[in-house]
Protein backbone atom coordinates (compact mmCIF):
# COMPACT_ATOMS: atom_id res chain seq x y z
CA MET A 1 -5.23 -17.03 -10.18
CA VAL A 2 -4.30 -15.57 -13.58
CA PHE A 3 -5.32 -12.20 -15.01
CA ASP A 4 -5.66 -12.40 -18.81
CA ARG A 5 -7.35 -9.15 -19.84
CA VAL A 6 -9.52 -6.30 -18.64
CA GLY A 7 -13.13 -7.38 -18.20
CA ALA A 8 -12.36 -11.07 -17.73
CA PRO A 9 -12.51 -12.85 -14.37
CA LEU A 10 -9.31 -14.22 -12.93
CA ARG A 11 -8.58 -17.73 -14.14
CA LEU A 12 -7.72 -20.61 -11.82
CA ALA A 13 -4.77 -22.36 -13.48
CA GLU A 14 -2.14 -24.98 -12.78
CA LEU A 15 1.19 -23.40 -13.79
CA ALA A 16 4.65 -24.90 -13.91
CA ASP A 17 6.57 -24.41 -10.67
CA PRO A 18 8.81 -21.34 -11.12
CA ASP A 19 12.56 -21.82 -10.71
CA PRO A 20 14.48 -18.96 -9.09
CA ALA A 21 17.03 -17.28 -11.36
CA PRO A 22 20.41 -16.09 -9.99
CA GLY A 23 19.77 -13.59 -7.19
CA GLN A 24 16.25 -14.88 -6.60
CA ILE A 25 14.49 -16.97 -4.00
CA ARG A 26 11.34 -19.05 -4.28
CA LEU A 27 8.59 -18.81 -1.70
CA ARG A 28 5.75 -21.02 -0.69
CA VAL A 29 3.11 -18.31 -0.38
CA ASN A 30 1.26 -18.31 2.93
CA ALA A 31 -0.80 -15.17 2.41
CA CYS A 32 -1.15 -12.29 -0.04
CA GLY A 33 -2.92 -9.01 0.63
CA VAL A 34 -5.46 -7.55 -1.78
CA CYS A 35 -4.73 -3.94 -2.72
CA ARG A 36 -6.49 -1.12 -4.57
CA THR A 37 -3.62 -1.27 -7.08
CA ASP A 38 -4.83 -4.75 -8.01
CA LEU A 39 -8.18 -3.18 -8.88
CA HIS A 40 -6.47 -0.49 -10.95
CA ILE A 41 -4.74 -3.26 -12.92
CA VAL A 42 -7.83 -5.40 -13.56
CA ASP A 43 -9.87 -2.28 -14.44
CA GLY A 44 -7.26 -1.08 -16.94
CA ASP A 45 -6.40 2.14 -15.06
CA LEU A 46 -2.75 1.03 -15.07
CA ALA A 47 -1.82 0.27 -18.64
CA HIS A 48 0.63 -2.34 -19.96
CA PRO A 49 0.84 -4.99 -17.24
CA LYS A 50 2.58 -8.24 -18.11
CA LEU A 51 -0.04 -10.58 -19.58
CA PRO A 52 -0.94 -13.17 -18.57
CA LEU A 53 -0.25 -12.01 -15.02
CA VAL A 54 -0.39 -13.36 -11.49
CA LEU A 55 -1.49 -10.40 -9.36
CA GLY A 56 -0.48 -9.68 -5.79
CA HIS A 57 2.27 -7.61 -4.18
CA GLN A 58 1.74 -8.05 -0.44
CA ILE A 59 3.24 -11.53 -0.22
CA VAL A 60 4.18 -13.38 2.95
CA GLY A 61 5.87 -16.69 2.34
CA THR A 62 8.41 -19.25 3.46
CA VAL A 63 11.64 -19.61 1.48
CA ASP A 64 11.88 -23.08 -0.09
CA ALA A 65 14.59 -22.59 -2.75
CA ILE A 66 17.56 -20.27 -3.18
CA ALA A 67 19.50 -19.58 -6.39
CA ASP A 68 23.12 -18.57 -6.77
CA GLY A 69 24.09 -15.06 -5.76
CA VAL A 70 21.81 -14.81 -2.73
CA ALA A 71 23.15 -13.90 0.70
CA GLY A 72 21.49 -13.41 4.06
CA VAL A 73 18.47 -15.63 3.38
CA ALA A 74 18.01 -19.29 4.30
CA VAL A 75 15.51 -21.98 3.40
CA GLY A 76 12.74 -21.82 5.99
CA ASP A 77 12.96 -18.06 6.54
CA ARG A 78 9.69 -16.13 6.47
CA VAL A 79 9.89 -13.04 4.26
CA GLY A 80 7.67 -10.47 2.63
CA VAL A 81 7.64 -9.35 -1.00
CA PRO A 82 6.40 -5.78 -1.62
CA TRP A 83 5.44 -3.77 -4.73
CA LEU A 84 8.98 -2.73 -5.69
CA GLY A 85 10.45 -5.92 -7.11
CA TRP A 86 13.61 -4.84 -8.95
CA THR A 87 15.61 -1.72 -9.82
CA CYS A 88 18.52 -1.19 -12.18
CA GLY A 89 20.95 0.25 -9.61
CA GLU A 90 22.51 2.39 -12.34
CA CYS A 91 20.22 5.33 -13.15
CA VAL A 92 20.48 8.74 -11.50
CA PHE A 93 17.62 7.89 -9.14
CA CYS A 94 19.10 4.61 -7.95
CA ARG A 95 22.49 6.25 -7.44
CA SER A 96 20.99 9.06 -5.37
CA GLY A 97 18.99 6.99 -2.86
CA ARG A 98 15.71 7.31 -4.79
CA GLU A 99 15.31 3.79 -6.13
CA ASN A 100 11.52 4.20 -5.89
CA LEU A 101 11.83 6.44 -8.99
CA CYS A 102 14.09 4.08 -10.98
CA GLU A 103 13.56 4.52 -14.70
CA ARG A 104 13.55 0.76 -15.30
CA ALA A 105 11.91 -0.44 -12.07
CA ARG A 106 9.85 -3.61 -12.18
CA PHE A 107 6.91 -4.17 -9.86
CA THR A 108 5.55 -7.28 -8.20
CA GLY A 109 2.12 -8.32 -9.46
CA TYR A 110 2.42 -5.97 -12.46
CA ASP A 111 5.67 -6.50 -14.37
CA LEU A 112 6.51 -9.64 -12.36
CA ASP A 113 4.20 -12.46 -11.34
CA GLY A 114 2.99 -11.97 -7.79
CA GLY A 115 1.40 -13.76 -4.87
CA TYR A 116 -2.07 -14.86 -5.97
CA ALA A 117 -0.46 -18.29 -6.23
CA GLU A 118 0.99 -21.16 -4.21
CA LEU A 119 4.56 -20.38 -5.31
CA ALA A 120 6.33 -17.14 -6.21
CA VAL A 121 9.88 -16.09 -7.03
CA ALA A 122 11.39 -12.75 -6.03
CA ASP A 123 14.67 -10.87 -6.07
CA ALA A 124 16.12 -11.59 -2.64
CA ARG A 125 17.45 -8.04 -2.31
CA PHE A 126 13.93 -6.62 -2.34
CA CYS A 127 12.42 -9.01 0.21
CA VAL A 128 12.00 -8.01 3.84
CA PRO A 129 12.07 -10.20 6.96
CA ILE A 130 8.70 -10.46 8.69
CA PRO A 131 8.76 -9.62 12.43
CA ALA A 132 7.91 -12.54 14.68
CA GLY A 133 5.03 -10.63 16.27
CA PHE A 134 2.90 -10.79 13.10
CA ASP A 135 1.30 -13.96 11.79
CA ASP A 136 1.10 -14.47 8.03
CA LEU A 137 -2.36 -13.01 7.48
CA ARG A 138 -1.76 -9.97 9.66
CA ALA A 139 1.65 -9.27 8.19
CA ALA A 140 0.48 -9.15 4.56
CA PRO A 141 -1.27 -5.72 4.68
CA LEU A 142 1.87 -4.13 6.11
CA LEU A 143 3.70 -4.75 2.82
CA CYS A 144 1.84 -2.18 0.72
CA ALA A 145 -0.94 -0.45 2.62
CA GLY A 146 1.56 -0.08 5.44
CA LEU A 147 4.70 0.68 3.43
CA ILE A 148 3.22 3.15 0.94
CA GLY A 149 1.23 4.70 3.76
CA TYR A 150 4.39 5.07 5.81
CA ARG A 151 6.22 6.79 2.96
CA ALA A 152 3.29 9.20 2.59
CA TYR A 153 3.28 9.75 6.35
CA ARG A 154 6.99 10.65 6.33
CA MET A 155 6.26 13.28 3.69
CA THR A 156 4.15 15.16 6.25
CA GLY A 157 7.25 15.96 8.34
CA ASP A 158 6.43 16.96 11.90
CA ALA A 159 2.80 17.89 11.18
CA HIS A 160 0.78 17.74 14.41
CA ARG A 161 -2.77 17.96 13.01
CA LEU A 162 -2.95 15.29 10.31
CA GLY A 163 -5.95 14.80 8.02
CA ILE A 164 -6.49 11.42 6.36
CA TYR A 165 -8.88 11.27 3.41
CA GLY A 166 -10.13 7.81 2.49
CA PHE A 167 -10.15 5.74 5.66
CA GLY A 168 -9.36 2.30 4.28
CA GLY A 169 -6.56 -0.25 4.38
CA ALA A 170 -3.66 2.18 4.64
CA ALA A 171 -5.35 4.82 6.80
CA TYR A 172 -6.23 2.58 9.72
CA LEU A 173 -2.64 1.30 9.92
CA LEU A 174 -1.08 4.78 9.77
CA THR A 175 -3.56 6.18 12.28
CA GLN A 176 -2.20 3.77 14.89
CA LEU A 177 1.36 4.94 14.24
CA ALA A 178 0.42 8.64 14.17
CA VAL A 179 -1.52 8.42 17.43
CA ALA A 180 1.34 6.53 19.08
CA GLU A 181 3.66 9.36 18.03
CA GLY A 182 1.42 12.01 19.53
CA ARG A 183 -0.22 13.36 16.37
CA GLU A 184 -3.84 14.48 16.16
CA VAL A 185 -5.65 12.51 13.43
CA TYR A 186 -8.68 13.89 11.57
CA ALA A 187 -10.41 11.15 9.55
CA PHE A 188 -12.42 11.93 6.40
CA THR A 189 -14.78 9.28 5.02
CA ARG A 190 -17.55 8.95 2.48
CA PRO A 191 -20.59 11.03 3.50
CA GLY A 192 -22.90 9.08 5.77
CA ASP A 193 -20.36 6.37 6.60
CA ASP A 194 -20.99 6.36 10.33
CA GLU A 195 -19.43 2.92 10.84
CA THR A 196 -16.06 3.92 9.39
CA GLN A 197 -16.12 7.16 11.36
CA ALA A 198 -16.72 5.17 14.55
CA PHE A 199 -13.87 2.84 13.54
CA ALA A 200 -11.55 5.84 13.16
CA HIS A 201 -12.55 7.19 16.57
CA GLY A 202 -11.85 3.77 18.06
CA LEU A 203 -8.30 3.92 16.72
CA GLY A 204 -7.69 7.29 18.37
CA ALA A 205 -8.77 9.86 15.75
CA ILE A 206 -9.89 13.01 17.57
CA TRP A 207 -12.41 13.87 14.82
CA ALA A 208 -14.10 11.94 12.03
CA GLY A 209 -16.48 13.27 9.41
CA ALA A 210 -17.39 13.32 5.75
CA SER A 211 -14.88 14.38 3.12
CA THR A 212 -17.30 17.20 2.28
CA GLU A 213 -17.01 18.66 5.79
CA SER A 214 -14.48 21.09 7.23
CA PRO A 215 -12.49 19.85 10.23
CA PRO A 216 -12.75 21.77 13.53
CA ALA A 217 -9.12 22.95 13.21
CA ARG A 218 -6.77 23.81 10.35
CA LEU A 219 -4.66 20.84 9.29
CA ASP A 220 -0.86 20.91 9.20
CA ALA A 221 -0.88 18.14 6.59
CA ALA A 222 -3.26 15.83 4.79
CA ILE A 223 -2.79 12.44 3.15
CA LEU A 224 -5.14 11.27 0.40
CA PHE A 225 -5.64 7.51 0.37
CA ALA A 226 -8.64 7.93 -1.93
CA ALA A 227 -8.25 7.92 -5.71
CA ALA A 228 -10.57 10.90 -6.09
CA GLY A 229 -8.86 13.95 -7.57
CA GLU A 230 -11.68 16.23 -6.41
CA LEU A 231 -10.46 15.75 -2.84
CA VAL A 232 -7.25 17.70 -3.54
CA PRO A 233 -8.94 21.12 -3.49
CA ALA A 234 -10.99 20.05 -0.47
CA ALA A 235 -7.83 19.08 1.41
CA LEU A 236 -6.12 22.33 0.43
CA ALA A 237 -9.10 24.28 1.75
CA ALA A 238 -8.69 22.54 5.12
CA LEU A 239 -4.94 23.16 5.26
CA GLU A 240 -3.02 25.69 7.33
CA ARG A 241 -0.51 27.89 5.53
CA GLY A 242 2.75 26.07 4.91
CA GLY A 243 1.02 22.70 4.99
CA VAL A 244 1.27 19.81 2.54
CA VAL A 245 -1.25 17.58 0.79
CA VAL A 246 0.27 14.17 0.00
CA CYS A 247 -1.42 12.09 -2.72
CA ALA A 248 -0.61 8.48 -1.89
CA GLU A 249 -2.48 6.65 -4.67
CA ILE A 250 -0.75 5.23 -7.74
CA HIS A 251 -3.73 6.33 -9.85
CA MET A 252 -6.21 9.17 -9.28
CA THR A 253 -9.04 10.74 -11.22
CA ASP A 254 -8.25 14.16 -12.66
CA ILE A 255 -7.75 17.02 -10.22
CA PRO A 256 -10.25 19.77 -11.04
CA SER A 257 -9.15 23.38 -11.42
CA PHE A 258 -9.18 25.44 -8.25
CA PRO A 259 -8.42 29.02 -7.31
CA TYR A 260 -4.79 29.87 -6.67
CA GLU A 261 -5.86 31.20 -3.28
CA LEU A 262 -6.11 27.59 -2.03
CA LEU A 263 -2.47 26.95 -2.89
CA TRP A 264 -1.12 30.35 -1.89
CA GLY A 265 0.53 30.63 1.51
CA GLU A 266 3.27 28.16 0.62
CA ARG A 267 0.95 25.18 0.64
CA VAL A 268 2.26 22.16 -1.26
CA VAL A 269 0.65 19.33 -3.23
CA ARG A 270 2.88 16.33 -3.86
CA SER A 271 2.65 12.68 -4.84
CA VAL A 272 4.24 9.55 -3.46
CA ALA A 273 5.63 6.98 -5.88
CA ASN A 274 6.34 3.39 -4.85
CA LEU A 275 8.70 2.72 -1.94
CA THR A 276 12.31 1.98 -1.12
CA ARG A 277 13.84 -0.93 0.73
CA GLY A 278 14.67 1.50 3.52
CA ASP A 279 10.99 2.34 3.89
CA GLY A 280 10.26 -1.34 4.41
CA ILE A 281 12.85 -1.81 7.13
CA GLU A 282 11.86 1.39 8.96
CA PHE A 283 8.13 0.75 8.86
CA LEU A 284 8.25 -2.88 9.98
CA GLU A 285 10.42 -1.87 12.91
CA ALA A 286 7.94 0.88 13.81
CA ALA A 287 4.95 -1.45 13.33
CA GLN A 288 6.47 -3.93 15.77
CA ARG A 289 7.30 -1.20 18.28
CA VAL A 290 3.82 0.45 18.41
CA PRO A 291 2.55 -2.31 17.77
CA VAL A 292 0.37 -1.74 14.70
CA ARG A 293 -2.57 -4.14 14.66
CA THR A 294 -4.16 -5.33 11.43
CA ARG A 295 -7.75 -6.44 11.08
CA VAL A 296 -8.03 -9.10 8.42
CA HIS A 297 -10.88 -10.49 6.33
CA ALA A 298 -9.53 -13.70 4.80
CA PHE A 299 -10.54 -15.30 1.50
CA ALA A 300 -9.34 -18.53 -0.09
CA LEU A 301 -7.02 -18.19 -3.10
CA GLU A 302 -9.67 -19.49 -5.51
CA ASP A 303 -12.05 -16.77 -4.24
CA ALA A 304 -9.75 -13.94 -5.37
CA ASP A 305 -12.43 -12.45 -7.63
CA ALA A 306 -14.85 -12.29 -4.71
CA ALA A 307 -12.12 -10.65 -2.61
CA LEU A 308 -11.58 -7.99 -5.29
CA ALA A 309 -15.33 -7.37 -5.49
CA GLU A 310 -15.50 -6.95 -1.72
CA PHE A 311 -12.61 -4.50 -1.85
CA ARG A 312 -14.32 -2.54 -4.63
CA ALA A 313 -17.56 -2.29 -2.64
CA GLY A 314 -15.74 -0.71 0.31
CA GLY A 315 -17.03 -0.62 3.86
CA ILE A 316 -14.50 -3.16 5.13
CA GLU A 317 -12.98 -2.28 8.49
CA GLY A 318 -9.41 -3.46 7.97
CA SER A 319 -7.71 -5.41 5.21
CA ILE A 320 -8.58 -8.20 2.77
CA VAL A 321 -6.07 -11.02 2.49
CA LEU A 322 -5.93 -14.23 0.48
CA ARG A 323 -5.08 -17.29 2.55
CA VAL A 324 -2.98 -19.51 0.30
């Protein structure tokens, strides 16, 4: 399914089978998760994608070809391909353990063709083994919603009372981990979304309400999984002194001005950018240990546009995945 330009539907196409270059593997794609970042690309919020482009950066597949320079991977292995697809290894960020900030990083389903396809190639170094406890469909959402969510979660330190704004594909995964680790989760949803609030309670959230409401206790930290900049002041207003607001989206609407009083008291607002390979290994180990359960709504590959429309509409309890 090929993305040609903003405003055009994805195009079903028969492409030449990709050959892996040195250091790469080729996968027969079994499943690929649908992500809000995909919407940001097709809507033009993220400028300058490779065009034409095969979207998709939550790929689960089976290795069917290996090029020279690859170690530790065999034909038949099941691996996942996340958003971070390549880094230079030379810049100051790569050399200081911050490859997620690499100045020349390339991203799956944006700079590199992704998983809305039957075959995909990927740099073997940036692929992660899929734990045996997750089938293909249920593993796919772990590779972005889970991984980016986990990086955001780590930014909250040892916060006990954790607010989560935007209770979608990442939030329901991280809630399971946070509850298992003894945190109190406060879930913020769209006003009037009783079903999602009930879903959050069912996962162990001790409170769920509208993003316009104040929680019953001051939060030690908050994570924003919604792309709405106006939620930053709201989260700050709910925060205890010394707390942190973590913005986990790759794109957000503008943050409105707010009084310094909301930030005062050593409160912090920070963003999360991309992920590292270490994040992937840590989170998949944690997801298997908890275990984190994914709820999947599956679409056929040729129905990718319908899957994106369903994602845009919201209201899905769980994750949307293409079955390839």
